[in-house]
Amino acid sequence: VGFPATADGNLASGGSIASLTAIVAAREAAGL
């Protein structure tokens, strides 16, 4: 997908848990 070497990730059970993982990261990164 063209992501940089700074990227990280996780193999999840499907798109739902993968999406939850991303949303929580976005929430914390924004300091909300």
Full PDB file with SEQRES, HELIX, SHEET, SSBOND, CRYST1, ORIGX, SCALE, CONECT and MASTER records, all heavy atoms in Angstrom:
SEQRES   1 A   32  VAL GLY PHE PRO ALA THR ALA ASP GLY ASN LEU ALA SER          
SEQRES   2 A   32  GLY GLY SER ILE ALA SER LEU THR ALA ILE VAL ALA ALA          
SEQRES   3 A   32  ARG GLU ALA ALA GLY LEU                                      
HELIX    1 AA1 GLY A   15  ALA A   29  1                                  15    
CRYST1    1.000    1.000    1.000  90.00  90.00  90.00 P 1           1          
ORIGX1      1.000000  0.000000  0.000000        0.00000                         
ORIGX2      0.000000  1.000000  0.000000        0.00000                         
ORIGX3      0.000000  0.000000  1.000000        0.00000                         
SCALE1      1.000000  0.000000  0.000000        0.00000                         
SCALE2      0.000000  1.000000  0.000000        0.00000                         
SCALE3      0.000000  0.000000  1.000000        0.00000                         
ATOM      1  N   VAL A   1       0.815  -1.221   0.000  1.00  0.00           N  
ATOM      2  CA  VAL A   1       0.000   0.000   0.000  1.00  0.00           C  
ATOM      3  C   VAL A   1       0.845   1.266   0.000  1.00  0.00           C  
ATOM      4  O   VAL A   1       0.298   2.376  -0.079  1.00  0.00           O  
ATOM      5  CB  VAL A   1      -0.972   0.020   1.200  1.00  0.00           C  
ATOM      6  CG1 VAL A   1      -1.909  -1.169   1.139  1.00  0.00           C  
ATOM      7  CG2 VAL A   1      -0.235   0.070   2.529  1.00  0.00           C  
ATOM      8  N   GLY A   2       2.167   1.129   0.107  1.00  0.00           N  
ATOM      9  CA  GLY A   2       3.034   2.306   0.046  1.00  0.00           C  
ATOM     10  C   GLY A   2       3.267   2.988   1.369  1.00  0.00           C  
ATOM     11  O   GLY A   2       3.655   4.163   1.407  1.00  0.00           O  
ATOM     12  N   PHE A   3       3.069   2.282   2.494  1.00  0.00           N  
ATOM     13  CA  PHE A   3       3.310   2.877   3.804  1.00  0.00           C  
ATOM     14  C   PHE A   3       4.812   2.935   4.088  1.00  0.00           C  
ATOM     15  O   PHE A   3       5.588   2.105   3.595  1.00  0.00           O  
ATOM     16  CB  PHE A   3       2.606   2.056   4.882  1.00  0.00           C  
ATOM     17  CG  PHE A   3       1.300   2.662   5.355  1.00  0.00           C  
ATOM     18  CD1 PHE A   3       0.492   3.361   4.471  1.00  0.00           C  
ATOM     19  CD2 PHE A   3       0.877   2.516   6.667  1.00  0.00           C  
ATOM     20  CE1 PHE A   3      -0.697   3.921   4.889  1.00  0.00           C  
ATOM     21  CE2 PHE A   3      -0.311   3.068   7.101  1.00  0.00           C  
ATOM     22  CZ  PHE A   3      -1.095   3.777   6.220  1.00  0.00           C  
ATOM     23  N   PRO A   4       5.246   3.890   4.927  1.00  0.00           N  
ATOM     24  CA  PRO A   4       6.675   4.043   5.218  1.00  0.00           C  
ATOM     25  C   PRO A   4       7.165   3.005   6.220  1.00  0.00           C  
ATOM     26  O   PRO A   4       6.384   2.263   6.828  1.00  0.00           O  
ATOM     27  CB  PRO A   4       6.746   5.453   5.824  1.00  0.00           C  
ATOM     28  CG  PRO A   4       5.407   5.622   6.479  1.00  0.00           C  
ATOM     29  CD  PRO A   4       4.424   4.933   5.578  1.00  0.00           C  
ATOM     30  N   ALA A   5       8.482   2.988   6.420  1.00  0.00           N  
ATOM     31  CA  ALA A   5       9.097   2.038   7.354  1.00  0.00           C  
ATOM     32  C   ALA A   5       8.694   2.326   8.794  1.00  0.00           C  
ATOM     33  O   ALA A   5       8.867   1.471   9.674  1.00  0.00           O  
ATOM     34  CB  ALA A   5      10.614   2.081   7.212  1.00  0.00           C  
ATOM     35  N   THR A   6       8.146   3.506   9.072  1.00  0.00           N  
ATOM     36  CA  THR A   6       7.722   3.858  10.428  1.00  0.00           C  
ATOM     37  C   THR A   6       6.386   3.228  10.798  1.00  0.00           C  
ATOM     38  O   THR A   6       5.926   3.367  11.930  1.00  0.00           O  
ATOM     39  CB  THR A   6       7.574   5.382  10.554  1.00  0.00           C  
ATOM     40  OG1 THR A   6       6.631   5.844   9.562  1.00  0.00           O  
ATOM     41  CG2 THR A   6       8.900   6.081  10.338  1.00  0.00           C  
ATOM     42  N   ALA A   7       5.758   2.537   9.864  1.00  0.00           N  
ATOM     43  CA  ALA A   7       4.433   1.978  10.108  1.00  0.00           C  
ATOM     44  C   ALA A   7       4.513   0.727  10.973  1.00  0.00           C  
ATOM     45  O   ALA A   7       5.541   0.067  11.054  1.00  0.00           O  
ATOM     46  CB  ALA A   7       3.748   1.651   8.787  1.00  0.00           C  
ATOM     47  N   ASP A   8       3.405   0.430  11.611  1.00  0.00           N  
ATOM     48  CA  ASP A   8       3.255  -0.798  12.364  1.00  0.00           C  
ATOM     49  C   ASP A   8       1.831  -1.282  12.159  1.00  0.00           C  
ATOM     50  O   ASP A   8       1.000  -0.573  11.581  1.00  0.00           O  
ATOM     51  CB  ASP A   8       3.551  -0.570  13.851  1.00  0.00           C  
ATOM     52  CG  ASP A   8       3.864  -1.865  14.596  1.00  0.00           C  
ATOM     53  OD1 ASP A   8       3.816  -2.951  13.970  1.00  0.00           O  
ATOM     54  OD2 ASP A   8       4.151  -1.790  15.807  1.00  0.00           O  
ATOM     55  N   GLY A   9       1.540  -2.478  12.629  1.00  0.00           N  
ATOM     56  CA  GLY A   9       0.204  -3.007  12.417  1.00  0.00           C  
ATOM     57  C   GLY A   9      -0.064  -4.240  13.226  1.00  0.00           C  
ATOM     58  O   GLY A   9       0.705  -4.616  14.122  1.00  0.00           O  
ATOM     59  N   ASN A  10      -1.155  -4.891  12.881  1.00  0.00           N  
ATOM     60  CA  ASN A  10      -1.570  -6.074  13.601  1.00  0.00           C  
ATOM     61  C   ASN A  10      -2.498  -6.893  12.719  1.00  0.00           C  
ATOM     62  O   ASN A  10      -3.293  -6.333  11.952  1.00  0.00           O  
ATOM     63  CB  ASN A  10      -2.311  -5.666  14.884  1.00  0.00           C  
ATOM     64  CG  ASN A  10      -2.621  -6.858  15.774  1.00  0.00           C  
ATOM     65  OD1 ASN A  10      -1.727  -7.510  16.285  1.00  0.00           O  
ATOM     66  ND2 ASN A  10      -3.895  -7.146  15.946  1.00  0.00           N  
ATOM     67  N   LEU A  11      -2.381  -8.216  12.812  1.00  0.00           N  
ATOM     68  CA  LEU A  11      -3.325  -9.105  12.161  1.00  0.00           C  
ATOM     69  C   LEU A  11      -4.447  -9.409  13.144  1.00  0.00           C  
ATOM     70  O   LEU A  11      -4.200  -9.915  14.245  1.00  0.00           O  
ATOM     71  CB  LEU A  11      -2.645 -10.402  11.725  1.00  0.00           C  
ATOM     72  CG  LEU A  11      -1.614 -10.288  10.602  1.00  0.00           C  
ATOM     73  CD1 LEU A  11      -1.043 -11.657  10.267  1.00  0.00           C  
ATOM     74  CD2 LEU A  11      -2.227  -9.658   9.358  1.00  0.00           C  
ATOM     75  N   ALA A  12      -5.666  -9.090  12.739  1.00  0.00           N  
ATOM     76  CA  ALA A  12      -6.824  -9.211  13.617  1.00  0.00           C  
ATOM     77  C   ALA A  12      -7.799 -10.246  13.065  1.00  0.00           C  
ATOM     78  O   ALA A  12      -7.548 -10.876  12.033  1.00  0.00           O  
ATOM     79  CB  ALA A  12      -7.518  -7.850  13.758  1.00  0.00           C  
ATOM     80  N   SER A  13      -8.918 -10.408  13.745  1.00  0.00           N  
ATOM     81  CA  SER A  13      -9.918 -11.393  13.324  1.00  0.00           C  
ATOM     82  C   SER A  13     -10.716 -10.929  12.120  1.00  0.00           C  
ATOM     83  O   SER A  13     -11.418 -11.725  11.501  1.00  0.00           O  
ATOM     84  CB  SER A  13     -10.874 -11.678  14.485  1.00  0.00           C  
ATOM     85  OG  SER A  13     -11.545 -10.489  14.879  1.00  0.00           O  
ATOM     86  N   GLY A  14     -10.630  -9.651  11.784  1.00  0.00           N  
ATOM     87  CA  GLY A  14     -11.361  -9.116  10.650  1.00  0.00           C  
ATOM     88  C   GLY A  14     -11.345  -7.612  10.683  1.00  0.00           C  
ATOM     89  O   GLY A  14     -10.674  -6.984  11.519  1.00  0.00           O  
ATOM     90  N   GLY A  15     -12.123  -7.003   9.769  1.00  0.00           N  
ATOM     91  CA  GLY A  15     -12.125  -5.552   9.658  1.00  0.00           C  
ATOM     92  C   GLY A  15     -12.688  -4.842  10.869  1.00  0.00           C  
ATOM     93  O   GLY A  15     -12.306  -3.700  11.162  1.00  0.00           O  
ATOM     94  N   SER A  16     -13.588  -5.480  11.594  1.00  0.00           N  
ATOM     95  CA  SER A  16     -14.213  -4.809  12.744  1.00  0.00           C  
ATOM     96  C   SER A  16     -13.209  -4.556  13.862  1.00  0.00           C  
ATOM     97  O   SER A  16     -13.098  -3.432  14.371  1.00  0.00           O  
ATOM     98  CB  SER A  16     -15.393  -5.636  13.260  1.00  0.00           C  
ATOM     99  OG  SER A  16     -16.427  -5.699  12.311  1.00  0.00           O  
ATOM    100  N   ILE A  17     -12.474  -5.595  14.273  1.00  0.00           N  
ATOM    101  CA  ILE A  17     -11.478  -5.410  15.333  1.00  0.00           C  
ATOM    102  C   ILE A  17     -10.305  -4.581  14.830  1.00  0.00           C  
ATOM    103  O   ILE A  17      -9.726  -3.777  15.572  1.00  0.00           O  
ATOM    104  CB  ILE A  17     -11.001  -6.771  15.859  1.00  0.00           C  
ATOM    105  CG1 ILE A  17     -12.168  -7.532  16.486  1.00  0.00           C  
ATOM    106  CG2 ILE A  17      -9.887  -6.599  16.887  1.00  0.00           C  
ATOM    107  CD1 ILE A  17     -12.852  -6.797  17.629  1.00  0.00           C  
ATOM    108  N   ALA A  18      -9.941  -4.758  13.557  1.00  0.00           N  
ATOM    109  CA  ALA A  18      -8.876  -3.925  12.991  1.00  0.00           C  
ATOM    110  C   ALA A  18      -9.278  -2.450  13.021  1.00  0.00           C  
ATOM    111  O   ALA A  18      -8.459  -1.577  13.345  1.00  0.00           O  
ATOM    112  CB  ALA A  18      -8.579  -4.371  11.559  1.00  0.00           C  
ATOM    113  N   SER A  19     -10.533  -2.166  12.693  1.00  0.00           N  
ATOM    114  CA  SER A  19     -11.022  -0.778  12.722  1.00  0.00           C  
ATOM    115  C   SER A  19     -11.023  -0.228  14.137  1.00  0.00           C  
ATOM    116  O   SER A  19     -10.641   0.928  14.368  1.00  0.00           O  
ATOM    117  CB  SER A  19     -12.432  -0.711  12.127  1.00  0.00           C  
ATOM    118  OG  SER A  19     -12.430  -1.075  10.771  1.00  0.00           O  
ATOM    119  N   LEU A  20     -11.471  -1.033  15.095  1.00  0.00           N  
ATOM    120  CA  LEU A  20     -11.462  -0.592  16.495  1.00  0.00           C  
ATOM    121  C   LEU A  20     -10.042  -0.256  16.936  1.00  0.00           C  
ATOM    122  O   LEU A  20      -9.808   0.750  17.615  1.00  0.00           O  
ATOM    123  CB  LEU A  20     -12.056  -1.689  17.380  1.00  0.00           C  
ATOM    124  CG  LEU A  20     -12.034  -1.423  18.887  1.00  0.00           C  
ATOM    125  CD1 LEU A  20     -12.861  -0.190  19.235  1.00  0.00           C  
ATOM    126  CD2 LEU A  20     -12.539  -2.642  19.655  1.00  0.00           C  
ATOM    127  N   THR A  21      -9.086  -1.071  16.550  1.00  0.00           N  
ATOM    128  CA  THR A  21      -7.689  -0.829  16.899  1.00  0.00           C  
ATOM    129  C   THR A  21      -7.222   0.523  16.361  1.00  0.00           C  
ATOM    130  O   THR A  21      -6.545   1.287  17.057  1.00  0.00           O  
ATOM    131  CB  THR A  21      -6.808  -1.958  16.339  1.00  0.00           C  
ATOM    132  OG1 THR A  21      -7.278  -3.215  16.828  1.00  0.00           O  
ATOM    133  CG2 THR A  21      -5.350  -1.778  16.728  1.00  0.00           C  
ATOM    134  N   ALA A  22      -7.595   0.817  15.115  1.00  0.00           N  
ATOM    135  CA  ALA A  22      -7.197   2.083  14.502  1.00  0.00           C  
ATOM    136  C   ALA A  22      -7.893   3.271  15.157  1.00  0.00           C  
ATOM    137  O   ALA A  22      -7.271   4.323  15.389  1.00  0.00           O  
ATOM    138  CB  ALA A  22      -7.509   2.052  13.010  1.00  0.00           C  
ATOM    139  N   ILE A  23      -9.179   3.133  15.472  1.00  0.00           N  
ATOM    140  CA  ILE A  23      -9.932   4.245  16.056  1.00  0.00           C  
ATOM    141  C   ILE A  23      -9.376   4.609  17.426  1.00  0.00           C  
ATOM    142  O   ILE A  23      -9.237   5.794  17.772  1.00  0.00           O  
ATOM    143  CB  ILE A  23     -11.428   3.884  16.159  1.00  0.00           C  
ATOM    144  CG1 ILE A  23     -12.043   3.742  14.762  1.00  0.00           C  
ATOM    145  CG2 ILE A  23     -12.186   4.920  16.988  1.00  0.00           C  
ATOM    146  CD1 ILE A  23     -11.963   4.989  13.901  1.00  0.00           C  
ATOM    147  N   VAL A  24      -9.033   3.595  18.231  1.00  0.00           N  
ATOM    148  CA  VAL A  24      -8.455   3.871  19.545  1.00  0.00           C  
ATOM    149  C   VAL A  24      -7.107   4.568  19.392  1.00  0.00           C  
ATOM    150  O   VAL A  24      -6.786   5.509  20.141  1.00  0.00           O  
ATOM    151  CB  VAL A  24      -8.326   2.568  20.360  1.00  0.00           C  
ATOM    152  CG1 VAL A  24      -7.538   2.801  21.647  1.00  0.00           C  
ATOM    153  CG2 VAL A  24      -9.715   2.020  20.687  1.00  0.00           C  
ATOM    154  N   ALA A  25      -6.299   4.147  18.418  1.00  0.00           N  
ATOM    155  CA  ALA A  25      -5.024   4.818  18.171  1.00  0.00           C  
ATOM    156  C   ALA A  25      -5.253   6.271  17.770  1.00  0.00           C  
ATOM    157  O   ALA A  25      -4.531   7.177  18.227  1.00  0.00           O  
ATOM    158  CB  ALA A  25      -4.244   4.075  17.087  1.00  0.00           C  
ATOM    159  N   ALA A  26      -6.242   6.514  16.934  1.00  0.00           N  
ATOM    160  CA  ALA A  26      -6.547   7.886  16.504  1.00  0.00           C  
ATOM    161  C   ALA A  26      -7.031   8.736  17.676  1.00  0.00           C  
ATOM    162  O   ALA A  26      -6.685   9.920  17.792  1.00  0.00           O  
ATOM    163  CB  ALA A  26      -7.609   7.847  15.403  1.00  0.00           C  
ATOM    164  N   ARG A  27      -7.846   8.151  18.533  1.00  0.00           N  
ATOM    165  CA  ARG A  27      -8.342   8.874  19.716  1.00  0.00           C  
ATOM    166  C   ARG A  27      -7.198   9.292  20.624  1.00  0.00           C  
ATOM    167  O   ARG A  27      -7.108  10.448  21.060  1.00  0.00           O  
ATOM    168  CB  ARG A  27      -9.314   7.973  20.480  1.00  0.00           C  
ATOM    169  CG  ARG A  27      -9.937   8.595  21.727  1.00  0.00           C  
ATOM    170  CD  ARG A  27     -10.621   7.527  22.569  1.00  0.00           C  
ATOM    171  NE  ARG A  27      -9.634   6.621  23.173  1.00  0.00           N  
ATOM    172  CZ  ARG A  27      -9.946   5.449  23.731  1.00  0.00           C  
ATOM    173  NH1 ARG A  27     -11.205   5.020  23.731  1.00  0.00           N  
ATOM    174  NH2 ARG A  27      -8.999   4.706  24.276  1.00  0.00           N  
ATOM    175  N   GLU A  28      -6.290   8.336  20.908  1.00  0.00           N  
ATOM    176  CA  GLU A  28      -5.190   8.630  21.821  1.00  0.00           C  
ATOM    177  C   GLU A  28      -4.186   9.585  21.186  1.00  0.00           C  
ATOM    178  O   GLU A  28      -3.637  10.457  21.862  1.00  0.00           O  
ATOM    179  CB  GLU A  28      -4.508   7.329  22.242  1.00  0.00           C  
ATOM    180  CG  GLU A  28      -5.405   6.391  23.038  1.00  0.00           C  
ATOM    181  CD  GLU A  28      -5.958   7.053  24.288  1.00  0.00           C  
ATOM    182  OE1 GLU A  28      -5.157   7.341  25.199  1.00  0.00           O  
ATOM    183  OE2 GLU A  28      -7.173   7.295  24.344  1.00  0.00           O  
ATOM    184  N   ALA A  29      -3.932   9.451  19.895  1.00  0.00           N  
ATOM    185  CA  ALA A  29      -2.990  10.341  19.221  1.00  0.00           C  
ATOM    186  C   ALA A  29      -3.475  11.782  19.244  1.00  0.00           C  
ATOM    187  O   ALA A  29      -2.663  12.724  19.299  1.00  0.00           O  
ATOM    188  CB  ALA A  29      -2.774   9.879  17.781  1.00  0.00           C  
ATOM    189  N   ALA A  30      -4.789  11.956  19.212  1.00  0.00           N  
ATOM    190  CA  ALA A  30      -5.357  13.311  19.249  1.00  0.00           C  
ATOM    191  C   ALA A  30      -5.465  13.851  20.664  1.00  0.00           C  
ATOM    192  O   ALA A  30      -5.826  15.022  20.850  1.00  0.00           O  
ATOM    193  CB  ALA A  30      -6.739  13.304  18.597  1.00  0.00           C  
ATOM    194  N   GLY A  31      -5.163  13.031  21.667  1.00  0.00           N  
ATOM    195  CA  GLY A  31      -5.264  13.472  23.057  1.00  0.00           C  
ATOM    196  C   GLY A  31      -6.684  13.712  23.515  1.00  0.00           C  
ATOM    197  O   GLY A  31      -6.915  14.480  24.464  1.00  0.00           O  
ATOM    198  N   LEU A  32      -7.634  13.059  22.877  1.00  0.00           N  
ATOM    199  CA  LEU A  32      -9.041  13.263  23.241  1.00  0.00           C  
ATOM    200  C   LEU A  32      -9.359  12.563  24.550  1.00  0.00           C  
ATOM    201  O   LEU A  32      -8.970  11.422  24.782  1.00  0.00           O  
ATOM    202  CB  LEU A  32      -9.949  12.729  22.134  1.00  0.00           C  
ATOM    203  CG  LEU A  32      -9.932  13.506  20.814  1.00  0.00           C  
ATOM    204  CD1 LEU A  32     -10.691  12.740  19.736  1.00  0.00           C  
ATOM    205  CD2 LEU A  32     -10.546  14.881  21.002  1.00  0.00           C  
TER     206      LEU A  32                                                      
MASTER        0    0    0    1    0    0    0    6  205    1    0    3          
END                                                                             
